[in-house]
N, C-alpha and C. Protein backbone atom coordinates (compact mmCIF):
# COMPACT_ATOMS: atom_id res chain seq x y z
N MET A 1 -206.47 17.20 -111.36
CA MET A 1 -205.53 18.28 -111.11
C MET A 1 -204.43 17.85 -110.14
N LYS A 2 -204.80 17.04 -109.11
CA LYS A 2 -203.82 16.59 -108.14
C LYS A 2 -202.71 15.75 -108.78
N PRO A 3 -203.05 14.80 -109.72
CA PRO A 3 -201.97 14.05 -110.35
C PRO A 3 -201.00 14.95 -111.11
N LEU A 4 -201.48 16.01 -111.73
CA LEU A 4 -200.62 16.94 -112.45
C LEU A 4 -199.68 17.65 -111.49
N ILE A 5 -200.19 18.10 -110.35
CA ILE A 5 -199.36 18.78 -109.36
C ILE A 5 -198.34 17.81 -108.78
N LEU A 6 -198.75 16.57 -108.50
CA LEU A 6 -197.82 15.57 -107.98
C LEU A 6 -196.74 15.24 -109.00
N SER A 7 -197.10 15.14 -110.28
CA SER A 7 -196.12 14.87 -111.33
C SER A 7 -195.12 16.01 -111.43
N PHE A 8 -195.59 17.24 -111.40
CA PHE A 8 -194.72 18.40 -111.47
C PHE A 8 -193.77 18.42 -110.27
N LEU A 9 -194.32 18.16 -109.07
CA LEU A 9 -193.52 18.15 -107.86
C LEU A 9 -192.44 17.05 -107.95
N PHE A 10 -192.81 15.86 -108.44
CA PHE A 10 -191.86 14.76 -108.59
C PHE A 10 -190.73 15.14 -109.56
N ILE A 11 -191.09 15.71 -110.72
CA ILE A 11 -190.09 16.13 -111.71
C ILE A 11 -189.18 17.19 -111.12
N PHE A 12 -189.75 18.16 -110.42
CA PHE A 12 -188.97 19.23 -109.82
C PHE A 12 -187.97 18.67 -108.81
N LEU A 13 -188.44 17.76 -107.95
CA LEU A 13 -187.55 17.18 -106.94
C LEU A 13 -186.48 16.32 -107.59
N THR A 14 -186.83 15.56 -108.62
CA THR A 14 -185.86 14.73 -109.32
C THR A 14 -184.80 15.60 -109.98
N CYS A 15 -185.20 16.66 -110.66
CA CYS A 15 -184.24 17.57 -111.30
C CYS A 15 -183.37 18.24 -110.26
N SER A 16 -183.95 18.63 -109.15
CA SER A 16 -183.17 19.25 -108.08
C SER A 16 -182.15 18.27 -107.53
N GLN A 17 -182.53 17.00 -107.37
CA GLN A 17 -181.61 15.99 -106.88
C GLN A 17 -180.49 15.76 -107.89
N ASP A 18 -180.83 15.70 -109.18
CA ASP A 18 -179.81 15.53 -110.22
C ASP A 18 -178.82 16.69 -110.21
N LYS A 19 -179.34 17.90 -110.05
CA LYS A 19 -178.47 19.07 -110.00
C LYS A 19 -177.57 19.01 -108.77
N GLU A 20 -178.12 18.58 -107.65
CA GLU A 20 -177.33 18.45 -106.43
C GLU A 20 -176.25 17.38 -106.59
N ILE A 21 -176.60 16.27 -107.20
CA ILE A 21 -175.62 15.21 -107.46
C ILE A 21 -174.51 15.74 -108.35
N PHE A 22 -174.87 16.46 -109.42
CA PHE A 22 -173.88 17.02 -110.33
C PHE A 22 -172.97 18.01 -109.59
N ASN A 23 -173.56 18.88 -108.77
CA ASN A 23 -172.77 19.85 -108.01
C ASN A 23 -171.83 19.15 -107.03
N ASN A 24 -172.28 18.07 -106.42
CA ASN A 24 -171.41 17.30 -105.53
C ASN A 24 -170.29 16.63 -106.30
N LEU A 25 -170.58 16.14 -107.51
CA LEU A 25 -169.52 15.57 -108.34
C LEU A 25 -168.48 16.61 -108.71
N LYS A 26 -168.92 17.84 -108.97
CA LYS A 26 -167.98 18.91 -109.30
C LYS A 26 -167.06 19.20 -108.12
N LYS A 27 -167.58 19.11 -106.91
CA LYS A 27 -166.78 19.39 -105.72
C LYS A 27 -165.84 18.23 -105.41
N ALA A 28 -166.27 17.03 -105.65
CA ALA A 28 -165.47 15.84 -105.35
C ALA A 28 -164.38 15.69 -106.40
N GLU A 29 -163.25 15.21 -105.97
CA GLU A 29 -162.16 14.96 -106.91
C GLU A 29 -162.18 13.50 -107.34
N ILE A 30 -163.30 13.11 -107.94
CA ILE A 30 -163.41 11.77 -108.51
C ILE A 30 -163.69 11.93 -109.99
N PRO A 31 -163.18 11.03 -110.81
CA PRO A 31 -163.38 11.18 -112.25
C PRO A 31 -164.84 10.98 -112.64
N ILE A 32 -165.25 11.71 -113.63
CA ILE A 32 -166.62 11.57 -114.14
C ILE A 32 -166.71 10.36 -115.07
N SER A 33 -165.55 9.95 -115.64
CA SER A 33 -165.50 8.74 -116.47
C SER A 33 -164.05 8.29 -116.56
N SER A 34 -163.87 7.07 -117.05
CA SER A 34 -162.52 6.55 -117.29
C SER A 34 -162.55 5.72 -118.57
N ALA A 35 -161.37 5.54 -119.14
CA ALA A 35 -161.27 4.76 -120.37
C ALA A 35 -159.98 3.95 -120.32
N SER A 36 -159.99 2.82 -120.99
CA SER A 36 -158.81 1.94 -121.05
C SER A 36 -158.34 1.82 -122.48
N ASN A 37 -157.04 1.56 -122.61
CA ASN A 37 -156.41 1.33 -123.92
C ASN A 37 -156.74 2.45 -124.92
N ILE A 38 -156.34 3.66 -124.57
CA ILE A 38 -156.61 4.85 -125.38
C ILE A 38 -155.69 4.87 -126.60
N ASN A 39 -156.25 5.13 -127.74
CA ASN A 39 -155.50 5.40 -128.97
C ASN A 39 -156.25 6.51 -129.68
N SER A 40 -155.76 7.74 -129.52
CA SER A 40 -156.43 8.90 -130.08
C SER A 40 -155.57 9.51 -131.18
N VAL A 41 -156.15 9.71 -132.34
CA VAL A 41 -155.44 10.29 -133.48
C VAL A 41 -156.04 11.66 -133.76
N HIS A 42 -155.17 12.66 -133.80
CA HIS A 42 -155.61 14.04 -134.09
C HIS A 42 -155.14 14.41 -135.50
N THR A 43 -156.05 14.94 -136.29
CA THR A 43 -155.70 15.36 -137.64
C THR A 43 -155.87 16.87 -137.79
N ASP A 44 -155.12 17.43 -138.71
CA ASP A 44 -155.21 18.84 -139.05
C ASP A 44 -155.16 18.93 -140.57
N SER A 45 -156.21 19.43 -141.16
CA SER A 45 -156.31 19.55 -142.62
C SER A 45 -156.13 18.21 -143.31
N GLY A 46 -156.65 17.15 -142.72
CA GLY A 46 -156.59 15.83 -143.33
C GLY A 46 -155.30 15.07 -143.07
N LYS A 47 -154.31 15.69 -142.41
CA LYS A 47 -153.05 15.01 -142.11
C LYS A 47 -152.98 14.71 -140.62
N VAL A 48 -152.45 13.56 -140.27
CA VAL A 48 -152.28 13.19 -138.87
C VAL A 48 -151.23 14.13 -138.26
N SER A 49 -151.62 14.81 -137.17
CA SER A 49 -150.68 15.73 -136.51
C SER A 49 -150.16 15.15 -135.19
N SER A 50 -150.95 14.26 -134.56
CA SER A 50 -150.48 13.61 -133.34
C SER A 50 -151.26 12.34 -133.07
N VAL A 51 -150.63 11.46 -132.31
CA VAL A 51 -151.25 10.22 -131.87
C VAL A 51 -150.97 10.10 -130.37
N LEU A 52 -151.99 9.78 -129.59
CA LEU A 52 -151.84 9.61 -128.15
C LEU A 52 -152.23 8.19 -127.80
N ASN A 53 -151.36 7.52 -127.06
CA ASN A 53 -151.62 6.15 -126.58
C ASN A 53 -151.43 6.10 -125.07
N SER A 54 -152.34 5.42 -124.39
CA SER A 54 -152.22 5.26 -122.94
C SER A 54 -153.09 4.08 -122.50
N PRO A 55 -152.63 3.33 -121.51
CA PRO A 55 -153.46 2.22 -121.03
C PRO A 55 -154.68 2.69 -120.24
N LYS A 56 -154.64 3.93 -119.69
CA LYS A 56 -155.76 4.38 -118.88
C LYS A 56 -155.87 5.90 -118.91
N MET A 57 -157.11 6.39 -118.97
CA MET A 57 -157.37 7.82 -118.91
C MET A 57 -158.53 8.05 -117.94
N LEU A 58 -158.36 9.05 -117.07
CA LEU A 58 -159.42 9.45 -116.14
C LEU A 58 -159.88 10.85 -116.52
N ASN A 59 -161.19 11.03 -116.62
CA ASN A 59 -161.79 12.29 -117.06
C ASN A 59 -162.26 13.07 -115.83
N PHE A 60 -161.58 14.16 -115.54
CA PHE A 60 -161.95 15.05 -114.43
C PHE A 60 -162.52 16.35 -114.99
N SER A 61 -163.30 16.27 -116.04
CA SER A 61 -163.90 17.48 -116.62
C SER A 61 -164.95 18.07 -115.69
N ASN A 62 -165.28 17.36 -114.61
CA ASN A 62 -166.22 17.86 -113.61
C ASN A 62 -165.53 18.69 -112.53
N ALA A 63 -164.21 18.78 -112.55
CA ALA A 63 -163.46 19.52 -111.54
C ALA A 63 -163.56 21.03 -111.79
N VAL A 64 -163.23 21.80 -110.78
CA VAL A 64 -163.25 23.26 -110.91
C VAL A 64 -162.30 23.69 -112.03
N PHE A 65 -161.11 23.08 -112.09
CA PHE A 65 -160.16 23.31 -113.19
C PHE A 65 -160.05 21.98 -113.93
N PRO A 66 -160.88 21.76 -114.97
CA PRO A 66 -161.01 20.44 -115.62
C PRO A 66 -159.70 19.91 -116.21
N TYR A 67 -159.54 18.59 -116.15
CA TYR A 67 -158.34 17.96 -116.70
C TYR A 67 -158.60 16.49 -117.00
N TYR A 68 -157.68 15.92 -117.76
CA TYR A 68 -157.64 14.48 -118.03
C TYR A 68 -156.34 13.96 -117.44
N GLU A 69 -156.43 12.84 -116.75
CA GLU A 69 -155.26 12.26 -116.10
C GLU A 69 -154.91 10.93 -116.76
N PHE A 70 -153.63 10.72 -116.99
CA PHE A 70 -153.11 9.47 -117.55
C PHE A 70 -152.16 8.88 -116.50
N PRO A 71 -152.69 8.05 -115.59
CA PRO A 71 -151.89 7.61 -114.44
C PRO A 71 -150.91 6.47 -114.73
N ASN A 72 -151.07 5.78 -115.84
CA ASN A 72 -150.26 4.58 -116.12
C ASN A 72 -149.54 4.67 -117.45
N GLN A 73 -148.77 5.66 -117.65
CA GLN A 73 -147.98 5.90 -118.86
C GLN A 73 -148.77 6.62 -119.94
N LEU A 74 -148.00 7.29 -120.75
CA LEU A 74 -148.53 8.05 -121.87
C LEU A 74 -147.48 8.06 -122.96
N GLU A 75 -147.92 7.90 -124.18
CA GLU A 75 -147.04 8.05 -125.34
C GLU A 75 -147.75 9.00 -126.30
N VAL A 76 -147.02 10.02 -126.73
CA VAL A 76 -147.55 10.95 -127.72
C VAL A 76 -146.56 10.99 -128.88
N ILE A 77 -147.07 10.87 -130.08
CA ILE A 77 -146.26 10.99 -131.29
C ILE A 77 -146.73 12.24 -132.02
N LEU A 78 -145.82 13.20 -132.20
CA LEU A 78 -146.13 14.44 -132.89
C LEU A 78 -145.52 14.38 -134.29
N PHE A 79 -146.26 14.86 -135.27
CA PHE A 79 -145.78 14.88 -136.65
C PHE A 79 -145.64 16.33 -137.08
N ASP A 80 -144.51 16.65 -137.73
CA ASP A 80 -144.34 18.00 -138.26
C ASP A 80 -144.88 18.06 -139.69
N LYS A 81 -144.71 19.20 -140.34
CA LYS A 81 -145.27 19.39 -141.68
C LYS A 81 -144.63 18.47 -142.72
N ASN A 82 -143.41 17.95 -142.42
CA ASN A 82 -142.74 17.00 -143.32
C ASN A 82 -142.97 15.56 -142.90
N ASN A 83 -143.90 15.35 -141.97
CA ASN A 83 -144.26 14.03 -141.46
C ASN A 83 -143.16 13.38 -140.61
N ASN A 84 -142.21 14.19 -140.11
CA ASN A 84 -141.20 13.69 -139.20
C ASN A 84 -141.82 13.53 -137.82
N LYS A 85 -141.36 12.51 -137.08
CA LYS A 85 -141.95 12.19 -135.78
C LYS A 85 -141.10 12.72 -134.63
N THR A 86 -141.80 13.18 -133.59
CA THR A 86 -141.22 13.43 -132.29
C THR A 86 -142.00 12.56 -131.31
N ASN A 87 -141.29 11.68 -130.59
CA ASN A 87 -141.93 10.77 -129.64
C ASN A 87 -141.77 11.29 -128.21
N ILE A 88 -142.84 11.26 -127.46
CA ILE A 88 -142.83 11.68 -126.06
C ILE A 88 -143.42 10.54 -125.24
N VAL A 89 -142.69 10.11 -124.20
CA VAL A 89 -143.21 9.11 -123.29
C VAL A 89 -143.03 9.62 -121.86
N ALA A 90 -143.94 9.22 -120.98
CA ALA A 90 -143.87 9.58 -119.57
C ALA A 90 -144.65 8.55 -118.76
N ASP A 91 -144.30 8.43 -117.49
CA ASP A 91 -145.00 7.51 -116.60
C ASP A 91 -146.39 8.02 -116.25
N TYR A 92 -146.56 9.36 -116.26
CA TYR A 92 -147.79 9.97 -115.77
C TYR A 92 -147.98 11.30 -116.49
N ALA A 93 -149.25 11.68 -116.74
CA ALA A 93 -149.50 12.97 -117.38
C ALA A 93 -150.86 13.51 -116.99
N ILE A 94 -150.95 14.83 -117.02
CA ILE A 94 -152.22 15.54 -116.85
C ILE A 94 -152.34 16.52 -118.00
N SER A 95 -153.48 16.48 -118.67
CA SER A 95 -153.79 17.42 -119.76
C SER A 95 -154.92 18.32 -119.28
N TYR A 96 -154.62 19.61 -119.16
CA TYR A 96 -155.60 20.56 -118.65
C TYR A 96 -156.53 21.02 -119.76
N SER A 97 -157.84 20.92 -119.52
CA SER A 97 -158.85 21.20 -120.54
C SER A 97 -158.98 22.68 -120.88
N ASN A 98 -158.79 23.56 -119.90
CA ASN A 98 -158.97 24.99 -120.14
C ASN A 98 -157.71 25.68 -120.61
N SER A 99 -156.68 24.92 -120.88
CA SER A 99 -155.44 25.48 -121.40
C SER A 99 -154.83 24.47 -122.36
N ASP A 100 -153.76 24.84 -122.99
CA ASP A 100 -153.08 23.92 -123.90
C ASP A 100 -151.94 23.18 -123.21
N LEU A 101 -151.92 23.20 -121.89
CA LEU A 101 -150.80 22.67 -121.12
C LEU A 101 -150.98 21.19 -120.78
N ILE A 102 -149.89 20.44 -121.00
CA ILE A 102 -149.81 19.05 -120.57
C ILE A 102 -148.63 18.95 -119.61
N ASP A 103 -148.86 18.36 -118.44
CA ASP A 103 -147.84 18.17 -117.42
C ASP A 103 -147.41 16.71 -117.47
N LEU A 104 -146.17 16.45 -117.88
CA LEU A 104 -145.62 15.11 -118.00
C LEU A 104 -144.68 14.85 -116.83
N ARG A 105 -144.79 13.66 -116.21
CA ARG A 105 -143.97 13.37 -115.03
C ARG A 105 -143.45 11.95 -115.06
N GLY A 106 -142.26 11.76 -114.50
CA GLY A 106 -141.68 10.44 -114.33
C GLY A 106 -141.11 9.86 -115.60
N ASN A 107 -139.81 9.73 -115.65
CA ASN A 107 -139.13 9.13 -116.80
C ASN A 107 -139.60 9.72 -118.13
N VAL A 108 -139.61 11.03 -118.22
CA VAL A 108 -140.03 11.71 -119.44
C VAL A 108 -138.89 11.64 -120.45
N ILE A 109 -139.19 11.11 -121.62
CA ILE A 109 -138.19 10.99 -122.69
C ILE A 109 -138.82 11.51 -123.98
N ILE A 110 -138.10 12.44 -124.61
CA ILE A 110 -138.55 12.98 -125.90
C ILE A 110 -137.44 12.73 -126.91
N SER A 111 -137.81 12.15 -128.05
CA SER A 111 -136.86 11.85 -129.11
C SER A 111 -137.38 12.40 -130.43
N THR A 112 -136.49 13.07 -131.17
CA THR A 112 -136.87 13.60 -132.48
C THR A 112 -136.40 12.65 -133.57
N HIS A 113 -136.81 12.94 -134.79
CA HIS A 113 -136.39 12.12 -135.93
C HIS A 113 -134.89 12.26 -136.19
N LEU A 114 -134.26 13.32 -135.65
CA LEU A 114 -132.81 13.52 -135.81
C LEU A 114 -132.02 12.85 -134.70
N LYS A 115 -132.70 12.09 -133.85
CA LYS A 115 -132.11 11.35 -132.72
C LYS A 115 -131.68 12.25 -131.58
N ASP A 116 -132.17 13.49 -131.53
CA ASP A 116 -131.98 14.34 -130.36
C ASP A 116 -132.92 13.82 -129.28
N THR A 117 -132.41 13.70 -128.05
CA THR A 117 -133.20 13.12 -126.98
C THR A 117 -133.08 13.97 -125.71
N LEU A 118 -134.22 14.22 -125.09
CA LEU A 118 -134.28 14.92 -123.81
C LEU A 118 -134.83 13.95 -122.78
N ILE A 119 -134.16 13.90 -121.62
CA ILE A 119 -134.58 13.03 -120.53
C ILE A 119 -134.70 13.89 -119.27
N THR A 120 -135.85 13.80 -118.59
CA THR A 120 -136.09 14.58 -117.38
C THR A 120 -137.16 13.91 -116.54
N ASP A 121 -137.38 14.42 -115.33
CA ASP A 121 -138.41 13.87 -114.45
C ASP A 121 -139.75 14.57 -114.60
N GLN A 122 -139.74 15.82 -115.06
CA GLN A 122 -141.00 16.53 -115.29
C GLN A 122 -140.79 17.51 -116.43
N LEU A 123 -141.83 17.63 -117.26
CA LEU A 123 -141.77 18.51 -118.41
C LEU A 123 -143.17 19.00 -118.73
N TYR A 124 -143.27 20.25 -119.10
CA TYR A 124 -144.54 20.81 -119.55
C TYR A 124 -144.50 20.95 -121.07
N TYR A 125 -145.62 20.62 -121.70
CA TYR A 125 -145.74 20.80 -123.15
C TYR A 125 -146.93 21.70 -123.40
N ASP A 126 -146.70 22.81 -124.08
CA ASP A 126 -147.75 23.74 -124.47
C ASP A 126 -148.15 23.40 -125.90
N ARG A 127 -149.33 22.79 -126.07
CA ARG A 127 -149.79 22.34 -127.39
C ARG A 127 -150.00 23.51 -128.34
N GLY A 128 -150.52 24.62 -127.84
CA GLY A 128 -150.79 25.78 -128.68
C GLY A 128 -149.53 26.38 -129.26
N GLN A 129 -148.51 26.50 -128.44
CA GLN A 129 -147.23 27.07 -128.88
C GLN A 129 -146.26 26.01 -129.40
N GLU A 130 -146.63 24.74 -129.20
CA GLU A 130 -145.75 23.60 -129.52
C GLU A 130 -144.38 23.81 -128.86
N TRP A 131 -144.44 24.07 -127.55
CA TRP A 131 -143.26 24.44 -126.79
C TRP A 131 -143.09 23.53 -125.57
N LEU A 132 -141.86 23.16 -125.26
CA LEU A 132 -141.51 22.30 -124.13
C LEU A 132 -140.70 23.08 -123.12
N PHE A 133 -140.94 22.86 -121.83
CA PHE A 133 -140.11 23.53 -120.83
C PHE A 133 -140.14 22.79 -119.50
N THR A 134 -139.03 22.93 -118.76
CA THR A 134 -138.91 22.35 -117.43
C THR A 134 -137.94 23.17 -116.61
N ASN A 135 -138.09 23.12 -115.30
CA ASN A 135 -137.12 23.68 -114.37
C ASN A 135 -136.42 22.57 -113.61
N PHE A 136 -136.69 21.34 -114.00
CA PHE A 136 -136.08 20.17 -113.37
C PHE A 136 -134.74 19.84 -114.02
N ASP A 137 -134.00 18.93 -113.38
CA ASP A 137 -132.76 18.42 -113.97
C ASP A 137 -133.08 17.72 -115.27
N PHE A 138 -132.17 17.82 -116.24
CA PHE A 138 -132.38 17.18 -117.53
C PHE A 138 -131.06 16.66 -118.08
N ARG A 139 -131.18 15.82 -119.06
CA ARG A 139 -130.05 15.39 -119.90
C ARG A 139 -130.51 15.53 -121.33
N TYR A 140 -129.67 16.16 -122.15
CA TYR A 140 -129.96 16.34 -123.57
C TYR A 140 -128.83 15.69 -124.35
N VAL A 141 -129.19 14.75 -125.22
CA VAL A 141 -128.20 14.02 -126.00
C VAL A 141 -128.53 14.18 -127.48
N SER A 142 -127.51 14.52 -128.27
CA SER A 142 -127.65 14.57 -129.72
C SER A 142 -126.36 14.01 -130.32
N LEU A 143 -126.21 14.09 -131.61
CA LEU A 143 -125.01 13.55 -132.26
C LEU A 143 -123.74 14.23 -131.76
N ASP A 144 -123.81 15.53 -131.43
CA ASP A 144 -122.62 16.26 -131.02
C ASP A 144 -122.70 16.86 -129.61
N LYS A 145 -123.72 16.48 -128.83
CA LYS A 145 -123.90 17.06 -127.49
C LYS A 145 -124.30 16.00 -126.48
N ASP A 146 -123.81 16.18 -125.28
CA ASP A 146 -124.29 15.41 -124.13
C ASP A 146 -124.29 16.39 -122.98
N ILE A 147 -125.42 17.00 -122.73
CA ILE A 147 -125.52 18.12 -121.81
C ILE A 147 -126.42 17.74 -120.62
N PHE A 148 -125.95 18.07 -119.43
CA PHE A 148 -126.73 17.94 -118.22
C PHE A 148 -127.03 19.34 -117.72
N GLY A 149 -128.15 19.52 -117.11
CA GLY A 149 -128.46 20.84 -116.58
C GLY A 149 -129.74 20.84 -115.77
N LYS A 150 -130.13 22.04 -115.42
CA LYS A 150 -131.38 22.25 -114.70
C LYS A 150 -132.08 23.40 -115.40
N GLY A 151 -133.21 23.09 -116.05
CA GLY A 151 -133.96 24.09 -116.79
C GLY A 151 -133.73 23.95 -118.29
N PHE A 152 -134.81 23.80 -119.01
CA PHE A 152 -134.76 23.56 -120.46
C PHE A 152 -135.99 24.20 -121.08
N ASP A 153 -135.82 24.80 -122.26
CA ASP A 153 -136.89 25.52 -122.94
C ASP A 153 -136.66 25.33 -124.44
N SER A 154 -137.68 24.81 -125.17
CA SER A 154 -137.45 24.53 -126.59
C SER A 154 -138.75 24.34 -127.34
N ASP A 155 -138.67 24.49 -128.67
CA ASP A 155 -139.77 24.08 -129.53
C ASP A 155 -139.76 22.56 -129.60
N LYS A 156 -140.83 21.97 -130.13
CA LYS A 156 -140.97 20.50 -130.10
C LYS A 156 -139.94 19.77 -130.95
N SER A 157 -139.33 20.44 -131.92
CA SER A 157 -138.34 19.77 -132.77
C SER A 157 -136.90 20.03 -132.33
N PHE A 158 -136.71 20.74 -131.21
CA PHE A 158 -135.40 21.07 -130.66
C PHE A 158 -134.56 21.93 -131.60
N GLU A 159 -135.21 22.76 -132.38
CA GLU A 159 -134.47 23.69 -133.25
C GLU A 159 -134.13 24.99 -132.53
N LYS A 160 -134.95 25.37 -131.54
CA LYS A 160 -134.74 26.61 -130.77
C LYS A 160 -134.66 26.24 -129.31
N ILE A 161 -133.45 25.89 -128.85
CA ILE A 161 -133.26 25.39 -127.49
C ILE A 161 -132.60 26.45 -126.62
N LYS A 162 -133.07 26.52 -125.39
CA LYS A 162 -132.43 27.35 -124.37
C LYS A 162 -132.14 26.44 -123.19
N PHE A 163 -130.84 26.28 -122.87
CA PHE A 163 -130.41 25.49 -121.73
C PHE A 163 -130.14 26.43 -120.55
N LEU A 164 -130.50 26.02 -119.35
CA LEU A 164 -130.21 26.78 -118.14
C LEU A 164 -129.29 25.94 -117.26
N GLU A 165 -128.42 26.56 -116.52
CA GLU A 165 -127.52 25.88 -115.58
C GLU A 165 -127.00 24.56 -116.16
N VAL A 166 -126.11 24.64 -117.12
CA VAL A 166 -125.66 23.44 -117.83
C VAL A 166 -124.23 23.05 -117.49
N ASN A 167 -123.92 21.77 -117.75
CA ASN A 167 -122.56 21.27 -117.79
C ASN A 167 -122.59 20.07 -118.73
N GLY A 168 -121.44 19.73 -119.30
CA GLY A 168 -121.40 18.63 -120.26
C GLY A 168 -120.42 18.94 -121.36
N PHE A 169 -120.55 18.25 -122.48
CA PHE A 169 -119.64 18.54 -123.58
C PHE A 169 -120.41 18.78 -124.87
N VAL A 170 -119.75 19.59 -125.71
CA VAL A 170 -120.28 19.91 -127.03
C VAL A 170 -119.13 19.80 -128.01
N SER A 171 -119.32 19.10 -129.11
CA SER A 171 -118.29 18.99 -130.15
C SER A 171 -118.32 20.25 -131.01
N LEU A 172 -117.13 20.84 -131.22
CA LEU A 172 -117.03 22.03 -132.05
C LEU A 172 -116.13 21.75 -133.24
N ASP A 173 -116.50 22.24 -134.41
CA ASP A 173 -115.64 22.15 -135.58
C ASP A 173 -114.63 23.27 -135.54
N GLU A 174 -113.35 22.95 -135.87
CA GLU A 174 -112.32 23.99 -135.86
C GLU A 174 -112.10 24.53 -137.24
């Protein structure tokens, strides 16, 4: 009977220690895992909808507000229903697990298949709404526009754009 009680006590203490270690990991802001040379392909109904590439990913799913961090560049390629590409690159990114929000920072450049390009220092991308927005300074270049401003709001293909505090030039047909 004593060996059974000792075994139970050992298992109980071990489980309690594991739970304590896990709780301490949740409190600490250290990644639960990391990965190198990420190439993630997301499909929807059998078609590739996005590709994510990054040299490093840190998994903070143990944090109070879980997230994935990409500290050494990120490239995302989004495909629309006609298989047209939108390329997004940034020096740094955080993808929040409990929301559809991605925070892109440092040399953020977005280019569409129509050669429309947005350049800014920080940009948020809402995956669920497929929407981009920033309150930072930006430059938007297209075939007929070269706009500088502060504040930008648009769908991922730049078909529905809202510019805030702008200056620059726009070509108009007479």
